[in-house]
Amino acid sequence: MYKESLNILFTEGIVFVGTISTWKLLGWWELLGAGSIVALLIIFTIYFFRDPEREIPARRGIIVSPADGRIIGVEKISSPFSENRVTKITIYLSLWDVHINRIPVSGKITRVDYKSGRFYPAFEPKASEKNEHTIIEIKGKAGLFYIKQIAGMVARRIVCHLKVGDKVRLGQRFGMIKFGSRVEFYLPLSVNVKVNEGDKVRAGQTIIGVVAHD
């Protein structure tokens, strides 16, 4: 279970104990109802913040998914971060997906930018620019890679533990987006993309692409 859940679970635990302690004031049915609601919230929190171990592929030249979810877009575009053309892969994370984000390619962190914003539904295209987001630049052997963590309508907090200068490895955990979100991944055209729109992917495990010259 991811450490970001501890404060939430602590608060829910206090509410649960407080609810049970009112048994003299509430009838048994009211106590059962209130206690069940809080218990369900605790169960959901444990489920949402689950952090399963992943077997990271060991092949050379591979790029893995930075997030769990469903791919809702694969397109070649002009990079919003440079003058180059890139492949943009958009991943939608539903409320039921694992929300831990992982490093897709080994390298060095050269940029981490956070921007506040709105909270449109994550599957809407305007969420990419309008919503709260964090942009992460990784300098790898094949060039520059960009991850964009985007908050959704329910998600209200982006967690990113990276800072400029960090050396990162393939499959390493680096953060999460709470309660439904969107992740965009920008790859150099030298990467042969191995996924299509509609595919389900797993962070740190699903091979998204292979470096063409490696």
N, C-alpha and C. Protein backbone atom coordinates (compact mmCIF):
# COMPACT_ATOMS: atom_id res chain seq x y z
N MET A 1 0.85 -1.20 0.00
CA MET A 1 0.00 0.00 0.00
C MET A 1 0.88 1.25 0.00
N TYR A 2 0.52 2.25 -0.80
CA TYR A 2 1.35 3.43 -0.96
C TYR A 2 1.26 4.33 0.26
N LYS A 3 2.40 4.96 0.61
CA LYS A 3 2.48 5.75 1.84
C LYS A 3 1.56 6.96 1.85
N GLU A 4 1.13 7.43 0.66
CA GLU A 4 0.26 8.60 0.60
C GLU A 4 -1.10 8.33 1.25
N SER A 5 -1.41 7.05 1.49
CA SER A 5 -2.71 6.71 2.06
C SER A 5 -2.74 6.81 3.58
N LEU A 6 -1.59 6.92 4.22
CA LEU A 6 -1.53 6.81 5.68
C LEU A 6 -2.33 7.90 6.39
N ASN A 7 -2.21 9.14 5.95
CA ASN A 7 -2.96 10.24 6.59
C ASN A 7 -4.46 10.06 6.42
N ILE A 8 -4.87 9.59 5.23
CA ILE A 8 -6.29 9.38 4.98
C ILE A 8 -6.82 8.26 5.86
N LEU A 9 -6.06 7.16 5.94
CA LEU A 9 -6.49 6.03 6.77
C LEU A 9 -6.53 6.42 8.25
N PHE A 10 -5.59 7.25 8.68
CA PHE A 10 -5.58 7.69 10.07
C PHE A 10 -6.84 8.49 10.39
N THR A 11 -7.21 9.41 9.48
CA THR A 11 -8.42 10.21 9.67
C THR A 11 -9.67 9.33 9.66
N GLU A 12 -9.73 8.40 8.73
CA GLU A 12 -10.88 7.50 8.65
C GLU A 12 -10.97 6.61 9.89
N GLY A 13 -9.81 6.22 10.40
CA GLY A 13 -9.80 5.40 11.62
C GLY A 13 -10.36 6.15 12.81
N ILE A 14 -9.98 7.44 12.92
CA ILE A 14 -10.51 8.27 14.02
C ILE A 14 -12.02 8.41 13.90
N VAL A 15 -12.50 8.64 12.67
CA VAL A 15 -13.95 8.78 12.45
C VAL A 15 -14.66 7.47 12.81
N PHE A 16 -14.06 6.35 12.43
CA PHE A 16 -14.67 5.04 12.73
C PHE A 16 -14.77 4.82 14.24
N VAL A 17 -13.67 5.09 14.96
CA VAL A 17 -13.69 4.92 16.42
C VAL A 17 -14.69 5.88 17.05
N GLY A 18 -14.73 7.12 16.54
CA GLY A 18 -15.69 8.10 17.07
C GLY A 18 -17.12 7.66 16.84
N THR A 19 -17.37 7.06 15.66
CA THR A 19 -18.72 6.58 15.36
C THR A 19 -19.13 5.45 16.31
N ILE A 20 -18.23 4.50 16.51
CA ILE A 20 -18.52 3.38 17.39
C ILE A 20 -18.73 3.85 18.84
N SER A 21 -18.00 4.90 19.23
CA SER A 21 -18.10 5.37 20.62
C SER A 21 -19.44 6.04 20.92
N THR A 22 -20.22 6.30 19.89
CA THR A 22 -21.54 6.94 20.09
C THR A 22 -22.65 5.90 20.22
N TRP A 23 -22.28 4.65 20.50
CA TRP A 23 -23.29 3.58 20.53
C TRP A 23 -24.40 3.83 21.56
N LYS A 24 -24.08 4.61 22.61
CA LYS A 24 -25.10 4.89 23.62
C LYS A 24 -26.12 5.92 23.12
N LEU A 25 -25.70 6.73 22.16
CA LEU A 25 -26.57 7.80 21.65
C LEU A 25 -27.39 7.35 20.44
N LEU A 26 -26.81 6.44 19.65
CA LEU A 26 -27.48 6.00 18.43
C LEU A 26 -28.18 4.66 18.66
N GLY A 27 -29.20 4.42 17.89
CA GLY A 27 -29.83 3.11 17.91
C GLY A 27 -28.92 2.13 17.17
N TRP A 28 -29.17 0.82 17.33
CA TRP A 28 -28.30 -0.16 16.72
C TRP A 28 -28.30 -0.06 15.20
N TRP A 29 -29.44 0.22 14.58
CA TRP A 29 -29.50 0.31 13.14
C TRP A 29 -28.73 1.53 12.63
N GLU A 30 -28.88 2.67 13.35
CA GLU A 30 -28.14 3.87 12.96
C GLU A 30 -26.64 3.66 13.12
N LEU A 31 -26.25 2.99 14.22
CA LEU A 31 -24.83 2.72 14.46
C LEU A 31 -24.27 1.79 13.39
N LEU A 32 -25.04 0.77 13.05
CA LEU A 32 -24.60 -0.17 12.02
C LEU A 32 -24.44 0.52 10.67
N GLY A 33 -25.40 1.40 10.34
CA GLY A 33 -25.34 2.11 9.06
C GLY A 33 -24.14 3.04 8.98
N ALA A 34 -23.95 3.85 10.05
CA ALA A 34 -22.83 4.81 10.05
C ALA A 34 -21.50 4.08 10.06
N GLY A 35 -21.40 3.04 10.88
CA GLY A 35 -20.16 2.29 10.95
C GLY A 35 -19.83 1.60 9.64
N SER A 36 -20.84 1.09 8.95
CA SER A 36 -20.63 0.41 7.68
C SER A 36 -20.11 1.38 6.61
N ILE A 37 -20.65 2.60 6.61
CA ILE A 37 -20.21 3.60 5.62
C ILE A 37 -18.73 3.92 5.82
N VAL A 38 -18.34 4.17 7.06
CA VAL A 38 -16.93 4.49 7.35
C VAL A 38 -16.04 3.29 7.03
N ALA A 39 -16.49 2.08 7.36
CA ALA A 39 -15.71 0.88 7.07
C ALA A 39 -15.51 0.71 5.57
N LEU A 40 -16.55 1.00 4.78
CA LEU A 40 -16.43 0.90 3.33
C LEU A 40 -15.43 1.93 2.79
N LEU A 41 -15.43 3.12 3.38
CA LEU A 41 -14.45 4.14 2.97
C LEU A 41 -13.03 3.67 3.24
N ILE A 42 -12.83 3.02 4.37
CA ILE A 42 -11.50 2.50 4.72
C ILE A 42 -11.08 1.42 3.72
N ILE A 43 -12.02 0.52 3.41
CA ILE A 43 -11.73 -0.55 2.46
C ILE A 43 -11.39 0.03 1.09
N PHE A 44 -12.16 1.04 0.65
CA PHE A 44 -11.89 1.67 -0.65
C PHE A 44 -10.52 2.34 -0.66
N THR A 45 -10.16 3.01 0.43
CA THR A 45 -8.86 3.68 0.51
C THR A 45 -7.72 2.67 0.38
N ILE A 46 -7.85 1.55 1.09
CA ILE A 46 -6.83 0.51 1.02
C ILE A 46 -6.73 -0.04 -0.41
N TYR A 47 -7.90 -0.21 -1.06
CA TYR A 47 -7.92 -0.72 -2.43
C TYR A 47 -7.32 0.29 -3.40
N PHE A 48 -7.71 1.55 -3.28
CA PHE A 48 -7.25 2.56 -4.22
C PHE A 48 -5.74 2.77 -4.13
N PHE A 49 -5.20 2.76 -2.94
CA PHE A 49 -3.77 3.03 -2.75
C PHE A 49 -2.92 1.76 -2.79
N ARG A 50 -3.47 0.69 -3.32
CA ARG A 50 -2.70 -0.55 -3.41
C ARG A 50 -1.46 -0.32 -4.29
N ASP A 51 -0.40 -1.00 -3.95
CA ASP A 51 0.88 -0.81 -4.64
C ASP A 51 1.48 -2.18 -4.96
N PRO A 52 0.94 -2.88 -5.94
CA PRO A 52 1.42 -4.24 -6.24
C PRO A 52 2.85 -4.23 -6.78
N GLU A 53 3.59 -5.29 -6.44
CA GLU A 53 4.93 -5.45 -7.00
C GLU A 53 4.80 -5.77 -8.49
N ARG A 54 5.72 -5.28 -9.27
CA ARG A 54 5.71 -5.52 -10.70
C ARG A 54 7.05 -6.14 -11.13
N GLU A 55 6.98 -7.09 -12.04
CA GLU A 55 8.19 -7.67 -12.61
C GLU A 55 8.61 -6.79 -13.79
N ILE A 56 9.69 -6.03 -13.60
CA ILE A 56 10.13 -5.08 -14.62
C ILE A 56 10.89 -5.84 -15.71
N PRO A 57 10.52 -5.68 -16.98
CA PRO A 57 11.23 -6.37 -18.07
C PRO A 57 12.71 -6.00 -18.09
N ALA A 58 13.55 -6.98 -18.46
CA ALA A 58 15.00 -6.77 -18.41
C ALA A 58 15.64 -6.56 -19.79
N ARG A 59 14.83 -6.49 -20.84
CA ARG A 59 15.38 -6.32 -22.19
C ARG A 59 16.00 -4.94 -22.39
N ARG A 60 17.03 -4.89 -23.21
CA ARG A 60 17.68 -3.61 -23.53
C ARG A 60 16.81 -2.81 -24.51
N GLY A 61 16.85 -1.49 -24.37
CA GLY A 61 16.20 -0.61 -25.34
C GLY A 61 14.70 -0.51 -25.23
N ILE A 62 14.11 -1.04 -24.16
CA ILE A 62 12.65 -1.01 -24.05
C ILE A 62 12.18 0.23 -23.29
N ILE A 63 10.96 0.64 -23.59
CA ILE A 63 10.29 1.73 -22.89
C ILE A 63 9.01 1.14 -22.30
N VAL A 64 8.78 1.34 -21.01
CA VAL A 64 7.58 0.77 -20.39
C VAL A 64 6.56 1.86 -20.08
N SER A 65 5.36 1.43 -19.78
CA SER A 65 4.28 2.38 -19.48
C SER A 65 4.54 3.10 -18.16
N PRO A 66 4.28 4.41 -18.10
CA PRO A 66 4.42 5.14 -16.84
C PRO A 66 3.21 5.01 -15.94
N ALA A 67 2.12 4.41 -16.45
CA ALA A 67 0.87 4.36 -15.68
C ALA A 67 0.04 3.15 -16.07
N ASP A 68 -0.81 2.71 -15.13
CA ASP A 68 -1.84 1.72 -15.43
C ASP A 68 -3.00 2.44 -16.13
N GLY A 69 -3.77 1.70 -16.91
CA GLY A 69 -4.96 2.31 -17.49
C GLY A 69 -5.20 1.86 -18.92
N ARG A 70 -5.97 2.64 -19.63
CA ARG A 70 -6.33 2.34 -21.02
C ARG A 70 -5.81 3.44 -21.93
N ILE A 71 -5.19 3.05 -23.03
CA ILE A 71 -4.66 4.04 -23.98
C ILE A 71 -5.81 4.63 -24.79
N ILE A 72 -5.93 5.94 -24.72
CA ILE A 72 -7.01 6.61 -25.45
C ILE A 72 -6.48 7.46 -26.61
N GLY A 73 -5.18 7.40 -26.84
CA GLY A 73 -4.63 8.15 -27.96
C GLY A 73 -3.19 7.80 -28.25
N VAL A 74 -2.86 7.57 -29.54
CA VAL A 74 -1.48 7.40 -30.00
C VAL A 74 -1.35 8.24 -31.26
N GLU A 75 -0.54 9.28 -31.22
CA GLU A 75 -0.45 10.18 -32.37
C GLU A 75 0.93 10.82 -32.47
N LYS A 76 1.32 11.14 -33.69
CA LYS A 76 2.58 11.86 -33.93
C LYS A 76 2.24 13.34 -34.03
N ILE A 77 2.92 14.15 -33.21
CA ILE A 77 2.62 15.58 -33.15
C ILE A 77 3.92 16.38 -33.05
N SER A 78 3.80 17.69 -33.22
CA SER A 78 4.92 18.58 -32.91
C SER A 78 5.00 18.70 -31.40
N SER A 79 6.17 18.49 -30.86
CA SER A 79 6.32 18.49 -29.40
C SER A 79 5.97 19.85 -28.81
N PRO A 80 5.19 19.88 -27.72
CA PRO A 80 4.91 21.15 -27.04
C PRO A 80 6.10 21.62 -26.19
N PHE A 81 7.15 20.80 -26.14
CA PHE A 81 8.30 21.12 -25.28
C PHE A 81 9.57 21.41 -26.07
N SER A 82 9.56 21.13 -27.39
CA SER A 82 10.75 21.37 -28.21
C SER A 82 10.31 21.58 -29.66
N GLU A 83 11.28 21.66 -30.57
CA GLU A 83 10.97 21.85 -31.98
C GLU A 83 10.83 20.52 -32.72
N ASN A 84 10.98 19.43 -32.03
CA ASN A 84 10.94 18.11 -32.66
C ASN A 84 9.53 17.56 -32.77
N ARG A 85 9.36 16.58 -33.64
CA ARG A 85 8.13 15.82 -33.68
C ARG A 85 8.30 14.60 -32.78
N VAL A 86 7.22 14.22 -32.13
CA VAL A 86 7.26 13.14 -31.15
C VAL A 86 6.02 12.27 -31.30
N THR A 87 6.05 11.14 -30.62
CA THR A 87 4.85 10.32 -30.49
C THR A 87 4.24 10.61 -29.12
N LYS A 88 2.97 10.96 -29.11
CA LYS A 88 2.26 11.24 -27.86
C LYS A 88 1.32 10.07 -27.56
N ILE A 89 1.48 9.48 -26.38
CA ILE A 89 0.62 8.39 -25.93
C ILE A 89 -0.16 8.87 -24.72
N THR A 90 -1.48 8.79 -24.81
CA THR A 90 -2.34 9.26 -23.72
C THR A 90 -2.97 8.06 -23.02
N ILE A 91 -2.83 8.03 -21.69
CA ILE A 91 -3.35 6.92 -20.88
C ILE A 91 -4.40 7.47 -19.91
N TYR A 92 -5.58 6.87 -19.92
CA TYR A 92 -6.64 7.26 -18.99
C TYR A 92 -6.70 6.27 -17.85
N LEU A 93 -6.64 6.78 -16.61
CA LEU A 93 -6.72 5.95 -15.42
C LEU A 93 -8.11 6.10 -14.82
N SER A 94 -8.85 5.01 -14.75
CA SER A 94 -10.15 5.05 -14.12
C SER A 94 -9.98 4.98 -12.61
N LEU A 95 -11.07 5.12 -11.91
CA LEU A 95 -11.04 5.08 -10.45
C LEU A 95 -10.53 3.74 -9.93
N TRP A 96 -10.64 2.69 -10.75
CA TRP A 96 -10.33 1.33 -10.29
C TRP A 96 -8.94 0.87 -10.68
N ASP A 97 -8.21 1.68 -11.45
CA ASP A 97 -6.85 1.31 -11.83
C ASP A 97 -5.87 1.59 -10.69
N VAL A 98 -4.73 0.87 -10.71
CA VAL A 98 -3.63 1.21 -9.80
C VAL A 98 -3.12 2.59 -10.21
N HIS A 99 -2.93 3.48 -9.24
CA HIS A 99 -2.56 4.86 -9.56
C HIS A 99 -1.10 5.21 -9.29
N ILE A 100 -0.28 4.22 -8.99
CA ILE A 100 1.14 4.47 -8.79
C ILE A 100 1.79 4.67 -10.16
N ASN A 101 2.55 5.75 -10.32
CA ASN A 101 3.27 6.02 -11.56
C ASN A 101 4.71 5.51 -11.46
N ARG A 102 5.23 5.01 -12.59
CA ARG A 102 6.58 4.46 -12.62
C ARG A 102 7.39 5.05 -13.77
N ILE A 103 8.70 5.06 -13.59
CA ILE A 103 9.61 5.61 -14.59
C ILE A 103 9.61 4.73 -15.84
N PRO A 104 9.37 5.30 -17.03
CA PRO A 104 9.29 4.50 -18.26
C PRO A 104 10.63 4.22 -18.93
N VAL A 105 11.66 5.02 -18.59
CA VAL A 105 12.96 4.86 -19.23
C VAL A 105 14.05 5.36 -18.28
N SER A 106 15.14 4.61 -18.18
CA SER A 106 16.24 5.02 -17.29
C SER A 106 16.89 6.29 -17.82
N GLY A 107 17.37 7.12 -16.91
CA GLY A 107 18.01 8.35 -17.33
C GLY A 107 18.16 9.33 -16.19
N LYS A 108 18.12 10.62 -16.51
CA LYS A 108 18.30 11.69 -15.53
C LYS A 108 17.16 12.69 -15.65
N ILE A 109 16.64 13.12 -14.51
CA ILE A 109 15.55 14.11 -14.51
C ILE A 109 16.14 15.50 -14.76
N THR A 110 15.68 16.15 -15.83
CA THR A 110 16.19 17.47 -16.20
C THR A 110 15.15 18.58 -16.09
N ARG A 111 13.92 18.19 -15.75
CA ARG A 111 12.87 19.22 -15.58
C ARG A 111 11.70 18.64 -14.80
N VAL A 112 11.21 19.41 -13.84
CA VAL A 112 9.98 19.06 -13.12
C VAL A 112 9.20 20.36 -12.92
N ASP A 113 8.10 20.51 -13.62
CA ASP A 113 7.29 21.73 -13.56
C ASP A 113 5.86 21.41 -13.14
N TYR A 114 5.40 22.08 -12.11
CA TYR A 114 4.01 21.92 -11.65
C TYR A 114 3.21 23.16 -12.05
N LYS A 115 1.97 22.92 -12.50
CA LYS A 115 1.09 24.03 -12.86
C LYS A 115 -0.30 23.77 -12.30
N SER A 116 -0.84 24.72 -11.55
CA SER A 116 -2.20 24.59 -11.03
C SER A 116 -3.19 24.80 -12.17
N GLY A 117 -4.42 24.36 -11.96
CA GLY A 117 -5.41 24.50 -13.02
C GLY A 117 -6.78 24.02 -12.62
N ARG A 118 -7.59 23.69 -13.64
CA ARG A 118 -8.96 23.25 -13.42
C ARG A 118 -9.01 21.74 -13.18
N PHE A 119 -10.24 21.20 -13.09
CA PHE A 119 -10.42 19.77 -12.84
C PHE A 119 -11.51 19.21 -13.75
N TYR A 120 -11.30 19.37 -15.08
CA TYR A 120 -12.23 18.78 -16.04
C TYR A 120 -12.06 17.26 -16.03
N PRO A 121 -13.07 16.50 -16.49
CA PRO A 121 -12.91 15.04 -16.58
C PRO A 121 -11.66 14.69 -17.37
N ALA A 122 -10.88 13.72 -16.85
CA ALA A 122 -9.56 13.42 -17.41
C ALA A 122 -9.61 12.90 -18.84
N PHE A 123 -10.76 12.31 -19.26
CA PHE A 123 -10.85 11.76 -20.62
C PHE A 123 -11.11 12.85 -21.66
N GLU A 124 -11.44 14.07 -21.25
CA GLU A 124 -11.70 15.15 -22.19
C GLU A 124 -10.37 15.76 -22.68
N PRO A 125 -10.24 16.03 -23.98
CA PRO A 125 -8.99 16.60 -24.52
C PRO A 125 -8.55 17.89 -23.84
N LYS A 126 -9.52 18.75 -23.45
CA LYS A 126 -9.14 20.03 -22.85
C LYS A 126 -8.49 19.87 -21.49
N ALA A 127 -8.62 18.69 -20.89
CA ALA A 127 -7.98 18.45 -19.59
C ALA A 127 -6.47 18.54 -19.70
N SER A 128 -5.93 18.23 -20.88
CA SER A 128 -4.49 18.24 -21.07
C SER A 128 -3.87 19.59 -20.76
N GLU A 129 -4.53 20.67 -21.21
CA GLU A 129 -3.97 22.02 -21.00
C GLU A 129 -4.60 22.76 -19.83
N LYS A 130 -5.88 22.51 -19.58
CA LYS A 130 -6.61 23.29 -18.58
C LYS A 130 -6.43 22.78 -17.15
N ASN A 131 -6.25 21.46 -17.00
CA ASN A 131 -6.23 20.89 -15.66
C ASN A 131 -4.87 21.05 -14.97
N GLU A 132 -4.91 20.90 -13.66
CA GLU A 132 -3.67 20.86 -12.87
C GLU A 132 -2.78 19.75 -13.39
N HIS A 133 -1.47 20.04 -13.54
CA HIS A 133 -0.59 19.01 -14.07
C HIS A 133 0.87 19.23 -13.66
N THR A 134 1.65 18.18 -13.80
CA THR A 134 3.09 18.24 -13.59
C THR A 134 3.77 17.66 -14.82
N ILE A 135 4.79 18.36 -15.31
CA ILE A 135 5.56 17.90 -16.47
C ILE A 135 6.94 17.45 -15.99
N ILE A 136 7.33 16.24 -16.40
CA ILE A 136 8.61 15.66 -16.01
C ILE A 136 9.42 15.36 -17.27
N GLU A 137 10.64 15.85 -17.32
CA GLU A 137 11.52 15.60 -18.46
C GLU A 137 12.62 14.63 -18.03
N ILE A 138 12.77 13.55 -18.81
CA ILE A 138 13.81 12.56 -18.54
C ILE A 138 14.78 12.53 -19.73
N LYS A 139 16.04 12.70 -19.44
CA LYS A 139 17.06 12.58 -20.48
C LYS A 139 17.59 11.16 -20.49
N GLY A 140 17.23 10.41 -21.52
CA GLY A 140 17.66 9.03 -21.66
C GLY A 140 18.64 8.88 -22.80
N LYS A 141 19.11 7.66 -23.04
CA LYS A 141 20.08 7.42 -24.11
C LYS A 141 19.49 7.73 -25.47
N ALA A 142 18.17 7.57 -25.63
CA ALA A 142 17.53 7.78 -26.93
C ALA A 142 17.02 9.21 -27.11
N GLY A 143 17.27 10.07 -26.13
CA GLY A 143 16.81 11.45 -26.23
C GLY A 143 15.98 11.88 -25.03
N LEU A 144 15.12 12.87 -25.25
CA LEU A 144 14.29 13.41 -24.17
C LEU A 144 12.90 12.79 -24.18
N PHE A 145 12.46 12.39 -23.00
CA PHE A 145 11.13 11.82 -22.81
C PHE A 145 10.37 12.71 -21.82
N TYR A 146 9.07 12.87 -22.04
CA TYR A 146 8.26 13.72 -21.17
C TYR A 146 7.05 12.96 -20.65
N ILE A 147 6.84 13.08 -19.35
CA ILE A 147 5.64 12.54 -18.71
C ILE A 147 4.83 13.72 -18.21
N LYS A 148 3.53 13.69 -18.48
CA LYS A 148 2.65 14.74 -18.00
C LYS A 148 1.58 14.10 -17.13
N GLN A 149 1.66 14.34 -15.81
CA GLN A 149 0.65 13.86 -14.87
C GLN A 149 -0.47 14.88 -14.82
N ILE A 150 -1.70 14.47 -15.13
CA ILE A 150 -2.81 15.40 -15.22
C ILE A 150 -3.93 14.99 -14.26
N ALA A 151 -4.32 15.91 -13.40
CA ALA A 151 -5.43 15.65 -12.47
C ALA A 151 -6.74 15.59 -13.24
N GLY A 152 -7.71 14.86 -12.69
CA GLY A 152 -9.02 14.75 -13.31
C GLY A 152 -10.10 15.45 -12.50
N MET A 153 -11.35 15.13 -12.79
CA MET A 153 -12.48 15.78 -12.13
C MET A 153 -12.53 15.43 -10.65
N VAL A 154 -12.21 14.15 -10.34
CA VAL A 154 -12.23 13.70 -8.95
C VAL A 154 -10.86 13.86 -8.32
N ALA A 155 -9.80 13.61 -9.12
CA ALA A 155 -8.44 13.75 -8.59
C ALA A 155 -8.17 15.19 -8.20
N ARG A 156 -7.63 15.40 -7.03
CA ARG A 156 -7.37 16.76 -6.56
C ARG A 156 -5.94 16.96 -6.09
N ARG A 157 -5.12 15.96 -6.32
CA ARG A 157 -3.74 16.12 -5.91
C ARG A 157 -2.82 15.25 -6.74
N ILE A 158 -1.76 15.88 -7.27
CA ILE A 158 -0.72 15.16 -8.00
C ILE A 158 0.46 14.99 -7.06
N VAL A 159 0.98 13.77 -6.99
CA VAL A 159 2.13 13.48 -6.14
C VAL A 159 3.30 13.13 -7.06
N CYS A 160 4.41 13.87 -6.93
CA CYS A 160 5.62 13.60 -7.70
C CYS A 160 6.81 13.77 -6.77
N HIS A 161 7.57 12.71 -6.57
CA HIS A 161 8.70 12.74 -5.65
C HIS A 161 10.02 13.06 -6.33
N LEU A 162 9.98 13.40 -7.61
CA LEU A 162 11.21 13.64 -8.37
C LEU A 162 11.67 15.08 -8.25
N LYS A 163 12.97 15.28 -8.45
CA LYS A 163 13.53 16.63 -8.53
C LYS A 163 14.63 16.63 -9.59
N VAL A 164 14.93 17.82 -10.10
CA VAL A 164 15.94 17.95 -11.15
C VAL A 164 17.28 17.42 -10.64
N GLY A 165 17.92 16.61 -11.47
CA GLY A 165 19.21 16.03 -11.10
C GLY A 165 19.13 14.58 -10.66
N ASP A 166 17.93 14.12 -10.34
CA ASP A 166 17.76 12.72 -9.92
C ASP A 166 18.10 11.76 -11.06
N LYS A 167 18.82 10.69 -10.73
CA LYS A 167 19.03 9.61 -11.68
C LYS A 167 17.96 8.56 -11.42
N VAL A 168 17.27 8.13 -12.46
CA VAL A 168 16.13 7.22 -12.30
C VAL A 168 16.35 5.96 -13.13
N ARG A 169 15.70 4.89 -12.70
CA ARG A 169 15.84 3.61 -13.40
C ARG A 169 14.47 3.12 -13.89
N LEU A 170 14.50 2.30 -14.88
CA LEU A 170 13.29 1.74 -15.48
C LEU A 170 12.42 1.06 -14.43
N GLY A 171 11.13 1.45 -14.38
CA GLY A 171 10.18 0.81 -13.48
C GLY A 171 10.14 1.38 -12.07
N GLN A 172 10.99 2.34 -11.78
CA GLN A 172 11.03 2.94 -10.43
C GLN A 172 9.75 3.72 -10.14
N ARG A 173 9.19 3.57 -8.93
CA ARG A 173 8.03 4.37 -8.53
C ARG A 173 8.45 5.82 -8.37
N PHE A 174 7.58 6.75 -8.81
CA PHE A 174 7.94 8.16 -8.61
C PHE A 174 6.78 9.02 -8.13
N GLY A 175 5.57 8.49 -8.05
CA GLY A 175 4.45 9.31 -7.59
C GLY A 175 3.13 8.69 -7.95
N MET A 176 2.07 9.52 -7.89
CA MET A 176 0.74 9.05 -8.23
C MET A 176 -0.18 10.26 -8.43
N ILE A 177 -1.36 9.99 -8.98
CA ILE A 177 -2.41 11.01 -9.07
C ILE A 177 -3.62 10.42 -8.37
N LYS A 178 -4.18 11.16 -7.44
CA LYS A 178 -5.24 10.60 -6.60
C LYS A 178 -6.62 10.66 -7.26
N PHE A 179 -7.26 9.52 -7.32
CA PHE A 179 -8.69 9.38 -7.66
C PHE A 179 -9.05 9.74 -9.10
N GLY A 180 -8.57 8.94 -10.05
CA GLY A 180 -8.96 9.12 -11.45
C GLY A 180 -8.12 10.20 -12.12
N SER A 181 -7.50 9.91 -13.26
CA SER A 181 -6.57 10.86 -13.82
C SER A 181 -6.18 10.51 -15.25
N ARG A 182 -5.16 11.21 -15.74
CA ARG A 182 -4.70 11.05 -17.12
C ARG A 182 -3.18 11.26 -17.14
N VAL A 183 -2.49 10.43 -17.89
CA VAL A 183 -1.05 10.58 -18.05
C VAL A 183 -0.74 10.64 -19.54
N GLU A 184 0.04 11.64 -19.94
CA GLU A 184 0.50 11.75 -21.32
C GLU A 184 2.00 11.47 -21.35
N PHE A 185 2.43 10.72 -22.34
CA PHE A 185 3.82 10.32 -22.45
C PHE A 185 4.30 10.69 -23.84
N TYR A 186 5.38 11.50 -23.92
CA TYR A 186 5.92 11.98 -25.19
C TYR A 186 7.26 11.30 -25.46
N LEU A 187 7.35 10.58 -26.59
CA LEU A 187 8.53 9.79 -26.92
C LEU A 187 9.18 10.28 -28.21
N PRO A 188 10.51 10.18 -28.33
CA PRO A 188 11.17 10.50 -29.60
C PRO A 188 10.67 9.57 -30.70
N LEU A 189 10.70 10.03 -31.95
CA LEU A 189 10.25 9.21 -33.07
C LEU A 189 11.16 8.01 -33.30
N SER A 190 12.34 8.01 -32.69
CA SER A 190 13.25 6.87 -32.82
C SER A 190 12.74 5.64 -32.08
N VAL A 191 11.70 5.81 -31.26
CA VAL A 191 11.12 4.69 -30.52
C VAL A 191 10.02 4.05 -31.37
N ASN A 192 10.12 2.75 -31.59
CA ASN A 192 9.07 2.00 -32.28
C ASN A 192 7.96 1.69 -31.29
N VAL A 193 6.81 2.30 -31.45
CA VAL A 193 5.70 2.14 -30.52
C VAL A 193 5.06 0.76 -30.71
N LYS A 194 4.77 0.08 -29.59
CA LYS A 194 4.26 -1.28 -29.62
C LYS A 194 2.82 -1.38 -29.08
N VAL A 195 2.16 -0.27 -28.87
CA VAL A 195 0.79 -0.30 -28.35
C VAL A 195 -0.14 0.49 -29.27
N ASN A 196 -1.43 0.25 -29.10
CA ASN A 196 -2.44 0.92 -29.91
C ASN A 196 -3.54 1.48 -29.03
N GLU A 197 -4.31 2.38 -29.60
CA GLU A 197 -5.45 2.94 -28.88
C GLU A 197 -6.40 1.81 -28.46
N GLY A 198 -6.83 1.86 -27.21
CA GLY A 198 -7.72 0.84 -26.68
C GLY A 198 -7.02 -0.21 -25.85
N ASP A 199 -5.69 -0.30 -25.96
CA ASP A 199 -4.94 -1.29 -25.19
C ASP A 199 -4.94 -0.94 -23.70
N LYS A 200 -4.95 -1.98 -22.87
CA LYS A 200 -4.76 -1.81 -21.43
C LYS A 200 -3.28 -1.98 -21.12
N VAL A 201 -2.75 -1.11 -20.24
CA VAL A 201 -1.32 -1.14 -19.92
C VAL A 201 -1.12 -1.14 -18.41
N ARG A 202 0.06 -1.61 -17.99
CA ARG A 202 0.43 -1.62 -16.59
C ARG A 202 1.74 -0.87 -16.40
N ALA A 203 1.79 -0.02 -15.42
CA ALA A 203 2.98 0.79 -15.15
C ALA A 203 4.18 -0.10 -14.84
N GLY A 204 5.31 0.18 -15.49
CA GLY A 204 6.54 -0.53 -15.22
C GLY A 204 6.62 -1.91 -15.81
N GLN A 205 5.56 -2.38 -16.45
CA GLN A 205 5.50 -3.75 -16.93
C GLN A 205 5.19 -3.88 -18.41
N THR A 206 4.20 -3.11 -18.89
CA THR A 206 3.82 -3.18 -20.30
C THR A 206 4.86 -2.45 -21.14
N ILE A 207 5.39 -3.12 -22.15
CA ILE A 207 6.36 -2.49 -23.05
C ILE A 207 5.60 -1.62 -24.04
N ILE A 208 5.85 -0.31 -23.96
CA ILE A 208 5.17 0.66 -24.84
C ILE A 208 5.93 0.83 -26.15
N GLY A 209 7.25 0.71 -26.08
CA GLY A 209 8.04 0.90 -27.29
C GLY A 209 9.44 0.33 -27.14
N VAL A 210 10.14 0.28 -28.28
CA VAL A 210 11.53 -0.20 -28.31
C VAL A 210 12.34 0.81 -29.11
N VAL A 211 13.51 1.16 -28.58
CA VAL A 211 14.37 2.12 -29.27
C VAL A 211 14.86 1.47 -30.56
N ALA A 212 14.63 2.13 -31.70
CA ALA A 212 14.87 1.54 -33.01
C ALA A 212 16.31 1.15 -33.24
N HIS A 213 17.24 1.94 -32.77
CA HIS A 213 18.66 1.68 -33.08
C HIS A 213 19.37 0.89 -31.99
N ASP A 214 18.61 0.42 -30.97
CA ASP A 214 19.28 -0.28 -29.86
C ASP A 214 19.30 -1.79 -30.11
